[in-house]
Amino acid sequence: MSDSHKLLLEGNMKWVENTKKFNPDFFTKLSKSQKPEFLWIGCSDSRVPATEITNTLPGSIFVQRNIANMVVHTDSNLLSVVNYAVKVLKVKHIIVCGHYGCGGVLAAMSNKNFGFLDNWLLHIKDSYRYHQKELDAIENEEERGERYVELNILEQVRNLAKVSFIQEEWDNGDFPIIHGWVYSLKDGLIKDLGYTLNSADQLDGVYQYQPNK
């Protein structure tokens, strides 16, 4: 039987020791409450940990991750996280962050059968369908995959903006602001795609809810 899992426990002990050396009160303060300013919706890929790649401490980012950073309107797990983040934690920014070379996106771009996973990949394939003309025109497969990653992120930003309780928050102010970012595994840098939403007015009319009176 492999004992490799014990390396995680040993690593935890070292992390605690090192953290206490530089900040003896860190865990005492952290245990009292969390007041993150950010919600991060990212990919489950083990190479894209939110706090590490943004050089932030535990308690800074509320996190939801799934394959290909999807916002699916029937995903009660994701919706519960987002609802708690905006209604209770009052986060100011929601970041949808994908990454180039995403296995889920590349799988969705193909016609291969992945069994049970195909049910999830269908949601990613929808992003391709919305932008098929642009993507089909890109002959280089790697370049097409990278653009597909970016367009999928933009679609998930839009999907998040369609959520009714997000729009309820906008009726009362300017937050949360939703951002679309993409991370590069090759150089470790995050690219802001320049697509930001903080108003239902930026959506097609059919997706806009009337404010509750």
N, C-alpha and C. Protein backbone atom coordinates (compact mmCIF):
# COMPACT_ATOMS: atom_id res chain seq x y z
N MET A 1 0.83 -1.19 0.00
CA MET A 1 0.00 0.00 0.00
C MET A 1 0.88 1.26 0.00
N SER A 2 0.53 2.20 -0.85
CA SER A 2 1.32 3.43 -0.96
C SER A 2 1.10 4.32 0.26
N ASP A 3 2.20 4.89 0.75
CA ASP A 3 2.13 5.82 1.87
C ASP A 3 2.37 7.26 1.43
N SER A 4 2.21 7.51 0.12
CA SER A 4 2.51 8.84 -0.40
C SER A 4 1.62 9.92 0.22
N HIS A 5 0.43 9.53 0.69
CA HIS A 5 -0.47 10.52 1.29
C HIS A 5 0.13 11.13 2.56
N LYS A 6 1.05 10.40 3.18
CA LYS A 6 1.66 10.91 4.41
C LYS A 6 2.53 12.14 4.14
N LEU A 7 2.97 12.27 2.88
CA LEU A 7 3.76 13.45 2.52
C LEU A 7 2.93 14.72 2.68
N LEU A 8 1.62 14.60 2.47
CA LEU A 8 0.75 15.75 2.64
C LEU A 8 0.66 16.16 4.11
N LEU A 9 0.57 15.18 4.98
CA LEU A 9 0.52 15.47 6.41
C LEU A 9 1.82 16.08 6.91
N GLU A 10 2.94 15.53 6.40
CA GLU A 10 4.24 16.08 6.78
C GLU A 10 4.39 17.51 6.26
N GLY A 11 3.91 17.73 5.05
CA GLY A 11 3.96 19.06 4.48
C GLY A 11 3.13 20.05 5.27
N ASN A 12 1.98 19.58 5.76
CA ASN A 12 1.13 20.43 6.58
C ASN A 12 1.83 20.89 7.85
N MET A 13 2.52 19.95 8.49
CA MET A 13 3.25 20.28 9.71
C MET A 13 4.33 21.32 9.45
N LYS A 14 5.04 21.16 8.35
CA LYS A 14 6.10 22.11 8.00
C LYS A 14 5.51 23.49 7.70
N TRP A 15 4.38 23.48 7.01
CA TRP A 15 3.72 24.75 6.67
C TRP A 15 3.28 25.49 7.93
N VAL A 16 2.70 24.76 8.87
CA VAL A 16 2.26 25.37 10.13
C VAL A 16 3.46 25.95 10.88
N GLU A 17 4.53 25.19 10.95
CA GLU A 17 5.73 25.65 11.66
C GLU A 17 6.29 26.92 11.03
N ASN A 18 6.41 26.91 9.71
CA ASN A 18 6.96 28.08 9.01
C ASN A 18 6.05 29.30 9.13
N THR A 19 4.75 29.06 9.06
CA THR A 19 3.80 30.17 9.17
C THR A 19 3.88 30.82 10.54
N LYS A 20 3.96 30.00 11.58
CA LYS A 20 4.03 30.53 12.94
C LYS A 20 5.32 31.30 13.20
N LYS A 21 6.38 30.92 12.53
CA LYS A 21 7.64 31.64 12.70
C LYS A 21 7.51 33.09 12.28
N PHE A 22 6.81 33.30 11.15
CA PHE A 22 6.68 34.65 10.60
C PHE A 22 5.47 35.40 11.15
N ASN A 23 4.45 34.64 11.58
CA ASN A 23 3.22 35.27 12.08
C ASN A 23 2.61 34.38 13.16
N PRO A 24 3.05 34.53 14.40
CA PRO A 24 2.60 33.67 15.49
C PRO A 24 1.08 33.66 15.70
N ASP A 25 0.41 34.77 15.37
CA ASP A 25 -1.04 34.88 15.61
C ASP A 25 -1.88 34.54 14.38
N PHE A 26 -1.23 34.05 13.33
CA PHE A 26 -1.94 33.84 12.05
C PHE A 26 -3.17 32.95 12.21
N PHE A 27 -3.02 31.77 12.82
CA PHE A 27 -4.12 30.82 12.90
C PHE A 27 -5.18 31.26 13.90
N THR A 28 -4.79 31.97 14.93
CA THR A 28 -5.75 32.49 15.89
C THR A 28 -6.69 33.47 15.21
N LYS A 29 -6.12 34.37 14.42
CA LYS A 29 -6.94 35.36 13.71
C LYS A 29 -7.76 34.70 12.60
N LEU A 30 -7.15 33.75 11.90
CA LEU A 30 -7.83 33.10 10.78
C LEU A 30 -9.05 32.31 11.25
N SER A 31 -8.97 31.72 12.43
CA SER A 31 -10.04 30.85 12.92
C SER A 31 -11.29 31.62 13.34
N LYS A 32 -11.17 32.93 13.55
CA LYS A 32 -12.29 33.71 14.06
C LYS A 32 -13.33 34.02 12.99
N SER A 33 -12.90 34.29 11.76
CA SER A 33 -13.85 34.61 10.70
C SER A 33 -13.13 34.65 9.36
N GLN A 34 -13.93 34.68 8.29
CA GLN A 34 -13.38 34.91 6.96
C GLN A 34 -14.10 36.08 6.33
N LYS A 35 -13.34 36.96 5.71
CA LYS A 35 -13.91 38.12 5.03
C LYS A 35 -13.24 38.30 3.66
N PRO A 36 -13.36 37.29 2.81
CA PRO A 36 -12.71 37.40 1.50
C PRO A 36 -13.40 38.44 0.62
N GLU A 37 -12.61 39.11 -0.16
CA GLU A 37 -13.15 40.10 -1.10
C GLU A 37 -13.44 39.46 -2.46
N PHE A 38 -12.92 38.24 -2.66
CA PHE A 38 -13.00 37.61 -3.97
C PHE A 38 -13.64 36.22 -3.92
N LEU A 39 -14.43 35.92 -4.94
CA LEU A 39 -14.88 34.55 -5.21
C LEU A 39 -14.18 34.12 -6.48
N TRP A 40 -13.57 32.95 -6.44
CA TRP A 40 -12.81 32.41 -7.57
C TRP A 40 -13.53 31.17 -8.09
N ILE A 41 -13.95 31.21 -9.34
CA ILE A 41 -14.52 30.03 -9.99
C ILE A 41 -13.49 29.55 -11.00
N GLY A 42 -12.83 28.45 -10.67
CA GLY A 42 -11.72 27.99 -11.48
C GLY A 42 -11.85 26.53 -11.89
N CYS A 43 -10.85 26.07 -12.59
CA CYS A 43 -10.80 24.68 -13.04
C CYS A 43 -10.25 23.80 -11.92
N SER A 44 -10.68 22.56 -11.90
CA SER A 44 -10.21 21.60 -10.88
C SER A 44 -8.76 21.17 -11.10
N ASP A 45 -8.18 21.54 -12.21
CA ASP A 45 -6.81 21.15 -12.53
C ASP A 45 -5.88 21.45 -11.35
N SER A 46 -5.09 20.46 -10.95
CA SER A 46 -4.24 20.58 -9.77
C SER A 46 -3.12 21.61 -9.93
N ARG A 47 -2.90 22.06 -11.16
CA ARG A 47 -1.82 23.02 -11.42
C ARG A 47 -2.27 24.47 -11.32
N VAL A 48 -3.54 24.69 -10.95
CA VAL A 48 -4.07 26.05 -10.94
C VAL A 48 -4.70 26.37 -9.58
N PRO A 49 -3.91 26.40 -8.51
CA PRO A 49 -4.44 26.74 -7.18
C PRO A 49 -4.58 28.25 -7.03
N ALA A 50 -5.76 28.71 -6.66
CA ALA A 50 -6.07 30.14 -6.68
C ALA A 50 -5.14 30.98 -5.81
N THR A 51 -4.94 30.59 -4.56
CA THR A 51 -4.15 31.45 -3.67
C THR A 51 -2.67 31.46 -4.05
N GLU A 52 -2.15 30.32 -4.48
CA GLU A 52 -0.73 30.26 -4.82
C GLU A 52 -0.40 31.13 -6.03
N ILE A 53 -1.21 31.04 -7.09
CA ILE A 53 -0.86 31.76 -8.31
C ILE A 53 -1.16 33.26 -8.21
N THR A 54 -1.90 33.65 -7.18
CA THR A 54 -2.16 35.08 -6.96
C THR A 54 -1.38 35.62 -5.75
N ASN A 55 -0.56 34.77 -5.15
CA ASN A 55 0.28 35.17 -4.02
C ASN A 55 -0.54 35.79 -2.89
N THR A 56 -1.64 35.11 -2.54
CA THR A 56 -2.50 35.59 -1.47
C THR A 56 -2.57 34.55 -0.35
N LEU A 57 -2.96 35.00 0.84
CA LEU A 57 -3.01 34.15 2.01
C LEU A 57 -4.35 33.44 2.14
N PRO A 58 -4.40 32.34 2.90
CA PRO A 58 -5.68 31.71 3.21
C PRO A 58 -6.63 32.73 3.83
N GLY A 59 -7.89 32.68 3.42
CA GLY A 59 -8.86 33.66 3.90
C GLY A 59 -9.11 34.79 2.93
N SER A 60 -8.29 34.86 1.88
CA SER A 60 -8.41 35.96 0.91
C SER A 60 -9.40 35.67 -0.22
N ILE A 61 -9.52 34.37 -0.57
CA ILE A 61 -10.32 34.00 -1.74
C ILE A 61 -11.26 32.85 -1.40
N PHE A 62 -12.54 33.05 -1.66
CA PHE A 62 -13.54 31.98 -1.55
C PHE A 62 -13.50 31.24 -2.88
N VAL A 63 -13.48 29.91 -2.86
CA VAL A 63 -13.16 29.17 -4.08
C VAL A 63 -14.21 28.11 -4.43
N GLN A 64 -14.53 28.05 -5.71
CA GLN A 64 -15.36 26.98 -6.29
C GLN A 64 -14.63 26.49 -7.53
N ARG A 65 -14.43 25.18 -7.64
CA ARG A 65 -13.71 24.65 -8.80
C ARG A 65 -14.45 23.45 -9.38
N ASN A 66 -14.39 23.34 -10.69
CA ASN A 66 -14.92 22.17 -11.39
C ASN A 66 -14.18 22.03 -12.72
N ILE A 67 -14.47 20.99 -13.45
CA ILE A 67 -13.80 20.77 -14.73
C ILE A 67 -14.15 21.88 -15.71
N ALA A 68 -13.13 22.63 -16.12
CA ALA A 68 -13.25 23.70 -17.12
C ALA A 68 -14.00 24.93 -16.61
N ASN A 69 -13.98 25.14 -15.28
CA ASN A 69 -14.53 26.38 -14.69
C ASN A 69 -15.90 26.77 -15.24
N MET A 70 -16.82 25.82 -15.17
CA MET A 70 -18.14 26.02 -15.77
C MET A 70 -19.13 26.62 -14.78
N VAL A 71 -20.03 27.44 -15.31
CA VAL A 71 -21.16 27.96 -14.55
C VAL A 71 -22.42 27.35 -15.16
N VAL A 72 -22.88 26.28 -14.55
CA VAL A 72 -24.04 25.53 -15.05
C VAL A 72 -25.23 25.85 -14.14
N HIS A 73 -26.33 26.30 -14.71
CA HIS A 73 -27.44 26.82 -13.92
C HIS A 73 -28.22 25.75 -13.16
N THR A 74 -27.92 24.49 -13.38
CA THR A 74 -28.54 23.42 -12.60
C THR A 74 -27.57 22.82 -11.59
N ASP A 75 -26.39 23.42 -11.45
CA ASP A 75 -25.37 22.94 -10.52
C ASP A 75 -25.63 23.57 -9.15
N SER A 76 -26.33 22.83 -8.28
CA SER A 76 -26.70 23.38 -6.97
C SER A 76 -25.48 23.62 -6.09
N ASN A 77 -24.41 22.86 -6.30
CA ASN A 77 -23.18 23.07 -5.55
C ASN A 77 -22.63 24.46 -5.85
N LEU A 78 -22.44 24.74 -7.13
CA LEU A 78 -21.89 26.04 -7.53
C LEU A 78 -22.81 27.18 -7.11
N LEU A 79 -24.12 27.03 -7.35
CA LEU A 79 -25.05 28.09 -7.02
C LEU A 79 -25.07 28.38 -5.51
N SER A 80 -24.91 27.33 -4.71
CA SER A 80 -24.87 27.52 -3.25
C SER A 80 -23.63 28.31 -2.84
N VAL A 81 -22.50 28.00 -3.46
CA VAL A 81 -21.26 28.72 -3.18
C VAL A 81 -21.39 30.18 -3.58
N VAL A 82 -21.91 30.42 -4.77
CA VAL A 82 -22.04 31.79 -5.26
C VAL A 82 -23.03 32.57 -4.39
N ASN A 83 -24.15 31.94 -4.03
CA ASN A 83 -25.14 32.61 -3.20
C ASN A 83 -24.56 33.01 -1.85
N TYR A 84 -23.83 32.11 -1.22
CA TYR A 84 -23.21 32.41 0.07
C TYR A 84 -22.18 33.52 -0.07
N ALA A 85 -21.44 33.48 -1.17
CA ALA A 85 -20.40 34.47 -1.40
C ALA A 85 -20.97 35.88 -1.54
N VAL A 86 -22.06 36.01 -2.29
CA VAL A 86 -22.60 37.35 -2.55
C VAL A 86 -23.59 37.81 -1.49
N LYS A 87 -24.32 36.89 -0.90
CA LYS A 87 -25.35 37.26 0.07
C LYS A 87 -24.83 37.37 1.49
N VAL A 88 -23.88 36.51 1.85
CA VAL A 88 -23.37 36.48 3.22
C VAL A 88 -21.99 37.12 3.33
N LEU A 89 -21.05 36.65 2.51
CA LEU A 89 -19.69 37.18 2.57
C LEU A 89 -19.56 38.55 1.92
N LYS A 90 -20.51 38.87 1.03
CA LYS A 90 -20.52 40.16 0.34
C LYS A 90 -19.22 40.41 -0.43
N VAL A 91 -18.80 39.42 -1.21
CA VAL A 91 -17.59 39.58 -2.01
C VAL A 91 -17.78 40.71 -3.01
N LYS A 92 -16.69 41.37 -3.33
CA LYS A 92 -16.74 42.50 -4.26
C LYS A 92 -16.48 42.06 -5.70
N HIS A 93 -15.71 41.00 -5.86
CA HIS A 93 -15.31 40.58 -7.20
C HIS A 93 -15.47 39.06 -7.34
N ILE A 94 -16.00 38.64 -8.48
CA ILE A 94 -16.05 37.22 -8.83
C ILE A 94 -15.17 37.02 -10.06
N ILE A 95 -14.23 36.11 -9.95
CA ILE A 95 -13.28 35.87 -11.03
C ILE A 95 -13.52 34.48 -11.60
N VAL A 96 -13.84 34.42 -12.87
CA VAL A 96 -13.91 33.15 -13.59
C VAL A 96 -12.57 32.98 -14.28
N CYS A 97 -11.78 32.03 -13.81
CA CYS A 97 -10.43 31.87 -14.34
C CYS A 97 -10.23 30.48 -14.92
N GLY A 98 -10.00 30.43 -16.22
CA GLY A 98 -9.65 29.18 -16.87
C GLY A 98 -8.15 29.12 -17.11
N HIS A 99 -7.71 28.16 -17.87
CA HIS A 99 -6.28 28.07 -18.18
C HIS A 99 -6.07 27.45 -19.55
N TYR A 100 -5.04 27.93 -20.22
CA TYR A 100 -4.70 27.37 -21.53
C TYR A 100 -4.29 25.91 -21.37
N GLY A 101 -4.63 25.11 -22.36
CA GLY A 101 -4.32 23.69 -22.30
C GLY A 101 -5.28 22.91 -21.42
N CYS A 102 -6.45 23.48 -21.13
CA CYS A 102 -7.43 22.83 -20.27
C CYS A 102 -7.91 21.51 -20.89
N GLY A 103 -7.73 20.43 -20.15
CA GLY A 103 -8.10 19.12 -20.67
C GLY A 103 -9.59 18.99 -20.95
N GLY A 104 -10.42 19.63 -20.13
CA GLY A 104 -11.85 19.56 -20.35
C GLY A 104 -12.26 20.25 -21.63
N VAL A 105 -11.68 21.41 -21.89
CA VAL A 105 -11.99 22.15 -23.11
C VAL A 105 -11.51 21.40 -24.34
N LEU A 106 -10.30 20.86 -24.27
CA LEU A 106 -9.75 20.12 -25.41
C LEU A 106 -10.56 18.85 -25.68
N ALA A 107 -11.03 18.21 -24.61
CA ALA A 107 -11.87 17.02 -24.78
C ALA A 107 -13.18 17.39 -25.46
N ALA A 108 -13.75 18.53 -25.06
CA ALA A 108 -15.00 18.99 -25.65
C ALA A 108 -14.83 19.38 -27.11
N MET A 109 -13.62 19.78 -27.48
CA MET A 109 -13.35 20.18 -28.86
C MET A 109 -13.26 18.98 -29.78
N SER A 110 -13.05 17.81 -29.21
CA SER A 110 -12.91 16.60 -30.01
C SER A 110 -14.25 15.89 -30.16
N ASN A 111 -14.25 14.82 -30.92
CA ASN A 111 -15.45 13.99 -31.08
C ASN A 111 -15.29 12.63 -30.40
N LYS A 112 -14.34 12.54 -29.49
CA LYS A 112 -14.11 11.29 -28.77
C LYS A 112 -15.20 11.06 -27.73
N ASN A 113 -15.40 9.79 -27.41
CA ASN A 113 -16.36 9.39 -26.39
C ASN A 113 -15.62 9.21 -25.08
N PHE A 114 -16.03 9.96 -24.06
CA PHE A 114 -15.38 9.88 -22.75
C PHE A 114 -16.29 9.28 -21.68
N GLY A 115 -17.34 8.58 -22.12
CA GLY A 115 -18.23 7.92 -21.17
C GLY A 115 -19.01 8.90 -20.33
N PHE A 116 -19.03 8.68 -19.03
CA PHE A 116 -19.81 9.52 -18.12
C PHE A 116 -19.45 10.99 -18.24
N LEU A 117 -18.18 11.30 -18.48
CA LEU A 117 -17.73 12.70 -18.57
C LEU A 117 -18.42 13.47 -19.69
N ASP A 118 -18.92 12.76 -20.70
CA ASP A 118 -19.57 13.44 -21.82
C ASP A 118 -20.75 14.28 -21.36
N ASN A 119 -21.39 13.88 -20.26
CA ASN A 119 -22.54 14.64 -19.76
C ASN A 119 -22.12 16.04 -19.32
N TRP A 120 -20.92 16.16 -18.75
CA TRP A 120 -20.40 17.47 -18.35
C TRP A 120 -19.83 18.22 -19.54
N LEU A 121 -19.17 17.48 -20.42
CA LEU A 121 -18.54 18.11 -21.58
C LEU A 121 -19.56 18.75 -22.51
N LEU A 122 -20.81 18.29 -22.46
CA LEU A 122 -21.84 18.88 -23.30
C LEU A 122 -21.99 20.38 -23.03
N HIS A 123 -21.85 20.78 -21.78
CA HIS A 123 -21.97 22.20 -21.44
C HIS A 123 -20.82 23.00 -22.06
N ILE A 124 -19.65 22.39 -22.11
CA ILE A 124 -18.49 23.06 -22.72
C ILE A 124 -18.66 23.12 -24.23
N LYS A 125 -19.22 22.05 -24.80
CA LYS A 125 -19.46 22.02 -26.25
C LYS A 125 -20.41 23.13 -26.68
N ASP A 126 -21.32 23.52 -25.79
CA ASP A 126 -22.23 24.61 -26.12
C ASP A 126 -21.46 25.90 -26.41
N SER A 127 -20.38 26.12 -25.66
CA SER A 127 -19.57 27.31 -25.90
C SER A 127 -18.96 27.28 -27.29
N TYR A 128 -18.60 26.08 -27.76
CA TYR A 128 -18.05 25.97 -29.12
C TYR A 128 -19.14 26.30 -30.14
N ARG A 129 -20.33 25.77 -29.90
CA ARG A 129 -21.43 25.99 -30.84
C ARG A 129 -21.74 27.48 -30.99
N TYR A 130 -21.70 28.23 -29.90
CA TYR A 130 -21.98 29.66 -29.96
C TYR A 130 -20.94 30.41 -30.79
N HIS A 131 -19.73 29.88 -30.85
CA HIS A 131 -18.63 30.57 -31.53
C HIS A 131 -18.01 29.70 -32.63
N GLN A 132 -18.81 28.83 -33.20
CA GLN A 132 -18.29 27.84 -34.15
C GLN A 132 -17.64 28.47 -35.37
N LYS A 133 -18.23 29.53 -35.89
CA LYS A 133 -17.69 30.15 -37.10
C LYS A 133 -16.28 30.66 -36.86
N GLU A 134 -16.07 31.35 -35.73
CA GLU A 134 -14.74 31.86 -35.42
C GLU A 134 -13.75 30.73 -35.17
N LEU A 135 -14.16 29.73 -34.40
CA LEU A 135 -13.25 28.66 -34.03
C LEU A 135 -12.90 27.76 -35.22
N ASP A 136 -13.87 27.45 -36.04
CA ASP A 136 -13.62 26.61 -37.21
C ASP A 136 -12.66 27.27 -38.20
N ALA A 137 -12.59 28.59 -38.16
CA ALA A 137 -11.72 29.32 -39.08
C ALA A 137 -10.26 29.28 -38.64
N ILE A 138 -9.98 28.82 -37.43
CA ILE A 138 -8.61 28.73 -36.92
C ILE A 138 -8.05 27.36 -37.27
N GLU A 139 -7.14 27.29 -38.23
CA GLU A 139 -6.65 26.01 -38.73
C GLU A 139 -5.72 25.32 -37.74
N ASN A 140 -4.86 26.08 -37.06
CA ASN A 140 -3.93 25.48 -36.11
C ASN A 140 -4.70 24.99 -34.88
N GLU A 141 -4.59 23.69 -34.60
CA GLU A 141 -5.40 23.09 -33.53
C GLU A 141 -5.06 23.65 -32.15
N GLU A 142 -3.77 23.90 -31.89
CA GLU A 142 -3.39 24.44 -30.59
C GLU A 142 -3.94 25.85 -30.41
N GLU A 143 -3.83 26.67 -31.46
CA GLU A 143 -4.35 28.03 -31.39
C GLU A 143 -5.87 28.02 -31.24
N ARG A 144 -6.54 27.09 -31.94
CA ARG A 144 -7.98 26.98 -31.81
C ARG A 144 -8.37 26.60 -30.38
N GLY A 145 -7.60 25.69 -29.78
CA GLY A 145 -7.86 25.29 -28.41
C GLY A 145 -7.69 26.44 -27.43
N GLU A 146 -6.68 27.26 -27.63
CA GLU A 146 -6.45 28.39 -26.74
C GLU A 146 -7.57 29.43 -26.86
N ARG A 147 -8.01 29.67 -28.09
CA ARG A 147 -9.11 30.62 -28.27
C ARG A 147 -10.40 30.05 -27.70
N TYR A 148 -10.59 28.76 -27.83
CA TYR A 148 -11.76 28.09 -27.26
C TYR A 148 -11.79 28.26 -25.75
N VAL A 149 -10.64 28.13 -25.11
CA VAL A 149 -10.53 28.35 -23.66
C VAL A 149 -11.02 29.76 -23.32
N GLU A 150 -10.55 30.75 -24.07
CA GLU A 150 -10.93 32.14 -23.79
C GLU A 150 -12.43 32.37 -23.99
N LEU A 151 -12.97 31.86 -25.08
CA LEU A 151 -14.38 32.05 -25.36
C LEU A 151 -15.26 31.33 -24.36
N ASN A 152 -14.80 30.18 -23.88
CA ASN A 152 -15.55 29.45 -22.87
C ASN A 152 -15.62 30.26 -21.57
N ILE A 153 -14.52 30.92 -21.22
CA ILE A 153 -14.50 31.77 -20.03
C ILE A 153 -15.52 32.90 -20.17
N LEU A 154 -15.54 33.53 -21.33
CA LEU A 154 -16.48 34.63 -21.55
C LEU A 154 -17.93 34.15 -21.42
N GLU A 155 -18.21 32.94 -21.92
CA GLU A 155 -19.56 32.40 -21.80
C GLU A 155 -19.93 32.14 -20.35
N GLN A 156 -18.96 31.71 -19.55
CA GLN A 156 -19.26 31.44 -18.13
C GLN A 156 -19.45 32.74 -17.35
N VAL A 157 -18.74 33.78 -17.74
CA VAL A 157 -18.98 35.10 -17.15
C VAL A 157 -20.43 35.52 -17.43
N ARG A 158 -20.86 35.34 -18.65
CA ARG A 158 -22.24 35.68 -19.02
C ARG A 158 -23.23 34.81 -18.24
N ASN A 159 -22.93 33.52 -18.14
CA ASN A 159 -23.83 32.62 -17.41
C ASN A 159 -23.99 33.06 -15.96
N LEU A 160 -22.92 33.52 -15.37
CA LEU A 160 -22.98 33.97 -13.98
C LEU A 160 -23.84 35.22 -13.87
N ALA A 161 -23.74 36.09 -14.85
CA ALA A 161 -24.53 37.32 -14.83
C ALA A 161 -26.02 37.06 -15.01
N LYS A 162 -26.37 35.91 -15.54
CA LYS A 162 -27.78 35.56 -15.75
C LYS A 162 -28.46 35.05 -14.48
N VAL A 163 -27.69 34.79 -13.44
CA VAL A 163 -28.25 34.24 -12.20
C VAL A 163 -29.07 35.32 -11.49
N SER A 164 -30.29 34.99 -11.10
CA SER A 164 -31.22 35.99 -10.56
C SER A 164 -30.71 36.67 -9.31
N PHE A 165 -30.09 35.92 -8.39
CA PHE A 165 -29.66 36.58 -7.15
C PHE A 165 -28.40 37.43 -7.34
N ILE A 166 -27.66 37.19 -8.42
CA ILE A 166 -26.57 38.11 -8.78
C ILE A 166 -27.18 39.45 -9.20
N GLN A 167 -28.22 39.38 -10.01
CA GLN A 167 -28.88 40.60 -10.46
C GLN A 167 -29.56 41.33 -9.31
N GLU A 168 -30.03 40.60 -8.30
CA GLU A 168 -30.59 41.23 -7.11
C GLU A 168 -29.55 42.11 -6.42
N GLU A 169 -28.32 41.60 -6.36
CA GLU A 169 -27.25 42.39 -5.75
C GLU A 169 -26.96 43.65 -6.57
N TRP A 170 -27.00 43.51 -7.88
CA TRP A 170 -26.76 44.67 -8.75
C TRP A 170 -27.86 45.72 -8.61
N ASP A 171 -29.07 45.29 -8.31
CA ASP A 171 -30.16 46.25 -8.11
C ASP A 171 -29.88 47.16 -6.91
N ASN A 172 -29.02 46.67 -6.01
CA ASN A 172 -28.72 47.43 -4.78
C ASN A 172 -27.35 48.09 -4.79
N GLY A 173 -26.60 47.93 -5.87
CA GLY A 173 -25.27 48.54 -5.93
C GLY A 173 -24.47 48.06 -7.11
N ASP A 174 -23.17 48.29 -7.06
CA ASP A 174 -22.30 47.97 -8.20
C ASP A 174 -21.62 46.60 -8.08
N PHE A 175 -21.77 45.93 -6.95
CA PHE A 175 -21.06 44.67 -6.73
C PHE A 175 -22.04 43.50 -6.72
N PRO A 176 -21.56 42.30 -7.08
CA PRO A 176 -20.18 41.96 -7.41
C PRO A 176 -19.84 42.27 -8.86
N ILE A 177 -18.56 42.52 -9.10
CA ILE A 177 -18.06 42.70 -10.46
C ILE A 177 -17.49 41.36 -10.92
N ILE A 178 -17.92 40.90 -12.09
CA ILE A 178 -17.50 39.60 -12.61
C ILE A 178 -16.41 39.80 -13.66
N HIS A 179 -15.31 39.08 -13.50
CA HIS A 179 -14.16 39.21 -14.39
C HIS A 179 -13.85 37.87 -15.08
N GLY A 180 -13.36 37.95 -16.30
CA GLY A 180 -12.90 36.77 -17.02
C GLY A 180 -11.39 36.78 -17.18
N TRP A 181 -10.72 35.79 -16.60
CA TRP A 181 -9.26 35.68 -16.65
C TRP A 181 -8.85 34.33 -17.20
N VAL A 182 -7.61 34.26 -17.69
CA VAL A 182 -7.06 32.98 -18.14
C VAL A 182 -5.60 32.87 -17.67
N TYR A 183 -5.25 31.69 -17.21
CA TYR A 183 -3.92 31.43 -16.64
C TYR A 183 -3.10 30.61 -17.63
N SER A 184 -1.82 30.94 -17.74
CA SER A 184 -0.92 30.19 -18.61
C SER A 184 -0.03 29.28 -17.79
N LEU A 185 -0.10 27.99 -18.04
CA LEU A 185 0.77 27.04 -17.36
C LEU A 185 2.22 27.18 -17.80
N LYS A 186 2.42 27.75 -18.97
CA LYS A 186 3.77 27.84 -19.53
C LYS A 186 4.64 28.89 -18.86
N ASP A 187 4.02 29.99 -18.41
CA ASP A 187 4.83 31.04 -17.79
C ASP A 187 4.28 31.50 -16.43
N GLY A 188 3.15 30.94 -16.01
CA GLY A 188 2.60 31.26 -14.71
C GLY A 188 1.85 32.57 -14.62
N LEU A 189 1.65 33.24 -15.74
CA LEU A 189 1.01 34.55 -15.72
C LEU A 189 -0.49 34.46 -15.98
N ILE A 190 -1.22 35.36 -15.35
CA ILE A 190 -2.67 35.46 -15.55
C ILE A 190 -2.95 36.60 -16.53
N LYS A 191 -3.82 36.35 -17.49
CA LYS A 191 -4.21 37.35 -18.47
C LYS A 191 -5.65 37.78 -18.21
N ASP A 192 -5.85 39.08 -18.04
CA ASP A 192 -7.19 39.63 -17.93
C ASP A 192 -7.76 39.74 -19.35
N LEU A 193 -8.86 39.04 -19.61
CA LEU A 193 -9.44 39.04 -20.95
C LEU A 193 -10.18 40.33 -21.27
N GLY A 194 -10.27 41.22 -20.28
CA GLY A 194 -10.90 42.51 -20.54
C GLY A 194 -12.41 42.42 -20.66
N TYR A 195 -12.99 41.35 -20.14
CA TYR A 195 -14.44 41.18 -20.19
C TYR A 195 -14.97 41.21 -18.77
N THR A 196 -15.68 42.27 -18.43
CA THR A 196 -16.15 42.49 -17.07
C THR A 196 -17.63 42.86 -17.09
N LEU A 197 -18.40 42.26 -16.19
CA LEU A 197 -19.83 42.55 -16.10
C LEU A 197 -20.19 42.95 -14.67
N ASN A 198 -20.99 43.99 -14.53
CA ASN A 198 -21.55 44.33 -13.23
C ASN A 198 -22.92 44.99 -13.37
N SER A 199 -23.63 44.58 -14.43
CA SER A 199 -24.96 45.10 -14.66
C SER A 199 -25.72 44.17 -15.59
N ALA A 200 -26.99 43.95 -15.29
CA ALA A 200 -27.82 43.12 -16.17
C ALA A 200 -28.06 43.79 -17.51
N ASP A 201 -27.84 45.11 -17.57
CA ASP A 201 -28.02 45.84 -18.82
C ASP A 201 -27.07 45.36 -19.90
N GLN A 202 -26.02 44.67 -19.49
CA GLN A 202 -25.04 44.16 -20.45
C GLN A 202 -25.45 42.82 -21.05
N LEU A 203 -26.61 42.31 -20.63
CA LEU A 203 -27.13 41.04 -21.14
C LEU A 203 -28.27 41.29 -22.12
N ASP A 204 -28.58 40.28 -22.93
CA ASP A 204 -29.77 40.34 -23.78
C ASP A 204 -31.00 40.48 -22.89
N GLY A 205 -32.01 41.17 -23.38
CA GLY A 205 -33.19 41.48 -22.58
C GLY A 205 -33.88 40.28 -21.96
N VAL A 206 -33.87 39.16 -22.63
CA VAL A 206 -34.57 37.98 -22.13
C VAL A 206 -33.97 37.45 -20.84
N TYR A 207 -32.71 37.81 -20.56
CA TYR A 207 -32.03 37.34 -19.35
C TYR A 207 -32.11 38.33 -18.18
N GLN A 208 -32.76 39.46 -18.40
CA GLN A 208 -32.82 40.49 -17.37
C GLN A 208 -34.07 40.34 -16.52
N TYR A 209 -33.85 40.28 -15.19
CA TYR A 209 -34.98 40.15 -14.26
C TYR A 209 -35.41 41.52 -13.76
N GLN A 210 -36.70 41.67 -13.55
CA GLN A 210 -37.22 42.91 -12.98
C GLN A 210 -36.91 42.95 -11.49
N PRO A 211 -36.51 44.10 -10.97
CA PRO A 211 -36.22 44.22 -9.55
C PRO A 211 -37.44 43.91 -8.69
N ASN A 212 -37.22 43.23 -7.57
CA ASN A 212 -38.30 42.97 -6.62
C ASN A 212 -38.68 44.26 -5.92
N LYS A 213 -39.97 44.49 -5.77
CA LYS A 213 -40.44 45.73 -5.14
C LYS A 213 -40.89 45.43 -3.70
